[in-house]
Amino acid sequence: MEFDITQTWDSDPVTHDPIRIVFSPGAGGLKMEVFAPFFNDPDAPPGPPGHAFPGLWNYEVVESFFLDSTTENYLEVEVCPHGQHLILLLSGVGQAFVQQLPMVFNAKITGDSWVGEALIPWSYFPPNVNQMNSYAIHGSGDKRTYESLYPVPKDELVEGQKPNFHLLKYFRDFRLQSIMGEDWVQPESDLWAGKP
């Protein structure tokens, strides 16, 4: 299953080749591959590749969110061309209760593009994922650019509105079974035990 990010957060067209995200079955989780231009702005995060990095959203990053819209439980996965990643489990809008979980992620920069491959363990996904959205961020200062797979429609923007990737009402339908097969059953996860 493949998605291209072709718009900014506020529904303008992007001015470069779109960032492509591909989801496929992995060993014990969902494989997420990213194919993207490399903007090299801002500089690399000051943390080792292959490890979680808090505040990764302040750097060049591609993100995917997986939501159970009935509970507002969701998983946020962030990956960076320099090899760092960040996982957040959230229960309620913007309410992270677990951060910096480990994940197998490798990235490679070649010239002006990069590819990344992550394996997201099933235990990180909330039960009953039924919606998703994906995003990309790059640039510094007034050139900071926020892109969205499912952006805020132009006619719903309000004056002074800023990018916000936790506007869950703009997420769209998504089923893990459409990748894994209709008979696939999502494994239960202790990480989400006790969440509504």
Protein backbone atom coordinates (compact mmCIF):
# COMPACT_ATOMS: atom_id res chain seq x y z
CA MET A 1 0.00 0.00 0.00
CA GLU A 2 1.52 3.23 -1.20
CA PHE A 3 0.88 6.90 -0.38
CA ASP A 4 2.32 10.08 -1.92
CA ILE A 5 2.40 13.32 0.08
CA THR A 6 1.54 15.91 -2.58
CA GLN A 7 0.24 18.83 -0.49
CA THR A 8 1.29 21.10 2.32
CA TRP A 9 -0.62 21.01 5.62
CA ASP A 10 -2.91 23.77 4.30
CA SER A 11 -3.64 22.18 0.89
CA ASP A 12 -1.10 23.88 -1.36
CA PRO A 13 0.74 21.64 -3.83
CA VAL A 14 4.29 20.67 -2.84
CA THR A 15 7.08 22.12 -5.00
CA HIS A 16 9.24 18.99 -5.23
CA ASP A 17 8.89 15.30 -6.04
CA PRO A 18 6.37 13.94 -3.55
CA ILE A 19 7.52 11.94 -0.55
CA ARG A 20 6.35 8.35 -0.94
CA ILE A 21 5.48 5.99 1.92
CA VAL A 22 4.95 2.28 1.33
CA PHE A 23 3.42 -0.09 3.91
CA SER A 24 3.81 -3.85 3.61
CA PRO A 25 3.84 -6.95 5.84
CA GLY A 26 6.96 -7.35 7.97
CA ALA A 27 8.26 -9.96 10.40
CA GLY A 28 6.32 -9.24 13.59
CA GLY A 29 5.15 -5.82 12.49
CA LEU A 30 4.35 -3.39 9.70
CA LYS A 31 7.14 -2.46 7.32
CA MET A 32 7.23 1.26 6.52
CA GLU A 33 9.44 2.41 3.66
CA VAL A 34 10.09 6.08 2.86
CA PHE A 35 11.37 7.40 -0.48
CA ALA A 36 12.00 11.13 -0.29
CA PRO A 37 14.02 14.08 -1.50
CA PHE A 38 16.85 14.95 0.89
CA PHE A 39 16.66 18.61 1.84
CA ASN A 40 19.59 18.53 4.31
CA ASP A 41 17.86 21.25 6.32
CA PRO A 42 18.01 21.47 9.27
CA ASP A 43 21.26 19.73 10.19
CA ALA A 44 21.22 16.16 11.49
CA PRO A 45 19.94 15.60 15.04
CA PRO A 46 22.80 15.26 17.55
CA GLY A 47 22.01 11.63 18.35
CA PRO A 48 23.24 8.27 17.05
CA PRO A 49 21.52 6.72 14.00
CA GLY A 50 19.28 3.78 14.78
CA HIS A 51 18.20 5.23 18.13
CA ALA A 52 15.19 7.16 19.39
CA PHE A 53 15.65 10.92 19.48
CA PRO A 54 13.28 13.12 21.53
CA GLY A 55 11.97 16.17 19.70
CA LEU A 56 12.73 14.64 16.30
CA TRP A 57 9.86 16.66 14.83
CA ASN A 58 12.15 19.71 15.01
CA TYR A 59 14.35 18.20 12.26
CA GLU A 60 13.85 16.80 8.76
CA VAL A 61 11.31 14.06 9.32
CA VAL A 62 8.57 11.88 7.84
CA GLU A 63 5.74 10.80 10.15
CA SER A 64 2.83 8.36 10.04
CA PHE A 65 -0.01 8.25 12.57
CA PHE A 66 -2.29 5.25 13.12
CA LEU A 67 -5.57 5.98 14.93
CA ASP A 68 -8.51 4.22 16.55
CA SER A 69 -11.00 7.03 16.00
CA THR A 70 -13.48 5.64 18.55
CA THR A 71 -11.02 6.04 21.45
CA GLU A 72 -8.51 8.65 20.16
CA ASN A 73 -5.75 6.15 20.89
CA TYR A 74 -3.02 6.48 18.29
CA LEU A 75 0.53 5.63 17.37
CA GLU A 76 2.93 8.23 15.98
CA VAL A 77 6.00 7.00 14.06
CA GLU A 78 8.69 9.51 13.06
CA VAL A 79 11.72 8.71 10.90
CA CYS A 80 14.62 10.89 9.81
CA PRO A 81 17.02 10.64 6.84
CA HIS A 82 19.96 10.62 9.26
CA GLY A 83 18.73 7.38 10.87
CA GLN A 84 17.07 8.56 14.08
CA HIS A 85 13.46 7.69 14.89
CA LEU A 86 10.80 8.47 17.46
CA ILE A 87 7.75 6.47 18.57
CA LEU A 88 4.92 8.01 20.60
CA LEU A 89 1.85 6.22 21.96
CA LEU A 90 -0.96 8.69 22.57
CA SER A 91 -4.31 8.38 24.32
CA GLY A 92 -6.25 11.55 23.64
CA VAL A 93 -5.21 14.37 21.33
CA GLY A 94 -1.52 15.13 21.87
CA GLN A 95 -1.43 13.11 25.11
CA ALA A 96 1.64 10.88 24.83
CA PHE A 97 1.96 8.28 27.57
CA VAL A 98 4.94 6.37 26.13
CA GLN A 99 7.84 7.78 24.08
CA GLN A 100 11.17 6.66 22.64
CA LEU A 101 10.35 2.96 22.22
CA PRO A 102 13.00 1.01 20.29
CA MET A 103 12.48 0.25 16.61
CA VAL A 104 14.54 -1.26 13.81
CA PHE A 105 15.09 1.60 11.35
CA ASN A 106 17.73 2.14 8.70
CA ALA A 107 18.13 5.14 6.41
CA LYS A 108 20.47 5.85 3.53
CA ILE A 109 21.13 9.21 1.89
CA THR A 110 22.21 9.13 -1.75
CA GLY A 111 22.85 12.55 -3.28
CA ASP A 112 19.65 14.59 -3.09
CA SER A 113 17.36 11.74 -2.01
CA TRP A 114 17.02 9.26 0.83
CA VAL A 115 15.32 5.99 1.59
CA GLY A 116 14.35 4.61 4.97
CA GLU A 117 12.95 1.29 6.17
CA ALA A 118 11.33 0.78 9.56
CA LEU A 119 9.73 -2.25 11.16
CA ILE A 120 6.95 -1.10 13.49
CA PRO A 121 6.15 -3.86 16.02
CA TRP A 122 2.47 -4.84 16.24
CA SER A 123 2.55 -4.18 20.00
CA TYR A 124 2.92 -0.45 19.28
CA PHE A 125 -0.39 -0.20 17.40
CA PRO A 126 -3.55 0.60 19.38
CA PRO A 127 -6.35 -1.92 19.02
CA ASN A 128 -8.80 -1.33 16.16
CA VAL A 129 -6.76 1.02 13.97
CA ASN A 130 -9.25 2.48 11.50
CA GLN A 131 -7.70 5.76 10.31
CA MET A 132 -4.29 7.23 9.48
CA ASN A 133 -2.47 10.28 8.23
CA SER A 134 1.12 10.94 7.21
CA TYR A 135 3.27 14.04 7.23
CA ALA A 136 6.67 15.44 6.30
CA ILE A 137 8.62 18.38 7.69
CA HIS A 138 11.81 20.04 6.43
CA GLY A 139 13.50 23.41 6.20
CA SER A 140 14.52 25.99 8.80
CA GLY A 141 13.18 29.34 9.93
CA ASP A 142 10.74 30.92 7.52
CA LYS A 143 11.50 28.11 5.05
CA ARG A 144 10.12 25.48 7.45
CA THR A 145 7.67 23.40 5.40
CA TYR A 146 4.91 21.16 6.76
CA GLU A 147 3.34 18.66 4.38
CA SER A 148 0.35 16.38 4.86
CA LEU A 149 -1.14 13.38 3.11
CA TYR A 150 -4.61 14.51 4.19
CA PRO A 151 -4.31 18.28 4.76
CA VAL A 152 -6.70 20.84 6.18
CA PRO A 153 -9.02 21.88 3.31
CA LYS A 154 -8.64 25.48 2.15
CA ASP A 155 -12.24 26.33 3.02
CA GLU A 156 -11.73 25.17 6.63
CA LEU A 157 -8.62 27.23 7.37
CA VAL A 158 -8.97 30.05 9.87
CA GLU A 159 -6.88 33.20 10.03
CA GLY A 160 -3.62 32.70 11.88
CA GLN A 161 -3.92 28.91 11.88
CA LYS A 162 -0.63 27.03 12.31
CA PRO A 163 0.33 23.48 11.28
CA ASN A 164 -1.05 20.88 13.70
CA PHE A 165 -0.57 17.21 12.94
CA HIS A 166 -2.94 16.14 15.72
CA LEU A 167 -6.14 17.32 14.02
CA LEU A 168 -7.64 13.84 14.05
CA LYS A 169 -10.79 14.83 12.15
CA TYR A 170 -8.72 15.04 8.96
CA PHE A 171 -7.42 11.48 9.22
CA ARG A 172 -8.92 9.06 6.70
CA ASP A 173 -10.03 5.45 6.70
CA PHE A 174 -7.24 2.88 6.90
CA ARG A 175 -7.32 -0.81 7.75
CA LEU A 176 -4.30 -2.95 8.55
CA GLN A 177 -6.23 -5.89 7.07
CA SER A 178 -6.00 -4.23 3.65
CA ILE A 179 -2.23 -4.83 3.90
CA MET A 180 -2.09 -8.04 5.93
CA GLY A 181 -5.13 -9.86 4.52
CA GLU A 182 -8.79 -9.89 5.52
CA ASP A 183 -8.35 -12.86 7.88
CA TRP A 184 -5.47 -11.27 9.76
CA VAL A 185 -6.12 -10.48 13.42
CA GLN A 186 -4.08 -7.78 15.13
CA PRO A 187 -2.08 -9.18 18.08
CA GLU A 188 -3.04 -7.84 21.49
CA SER A 189 -0.63 -5.47 23.19
CA ASP A 190 0.18 -4.96 26.87
CA LEU A 191 1.30 -1.42 26.04
CA TRP A 192 -2.33 -0.41 25.48
CA ALA A 193 -3.81 -2.33 28.41
CA GLY A 194 -6.09 -0.16 30.51
CA LYS A 195 -6.52 2.52 27.85
CA PRO A 196 -10.15 3.31 26.93
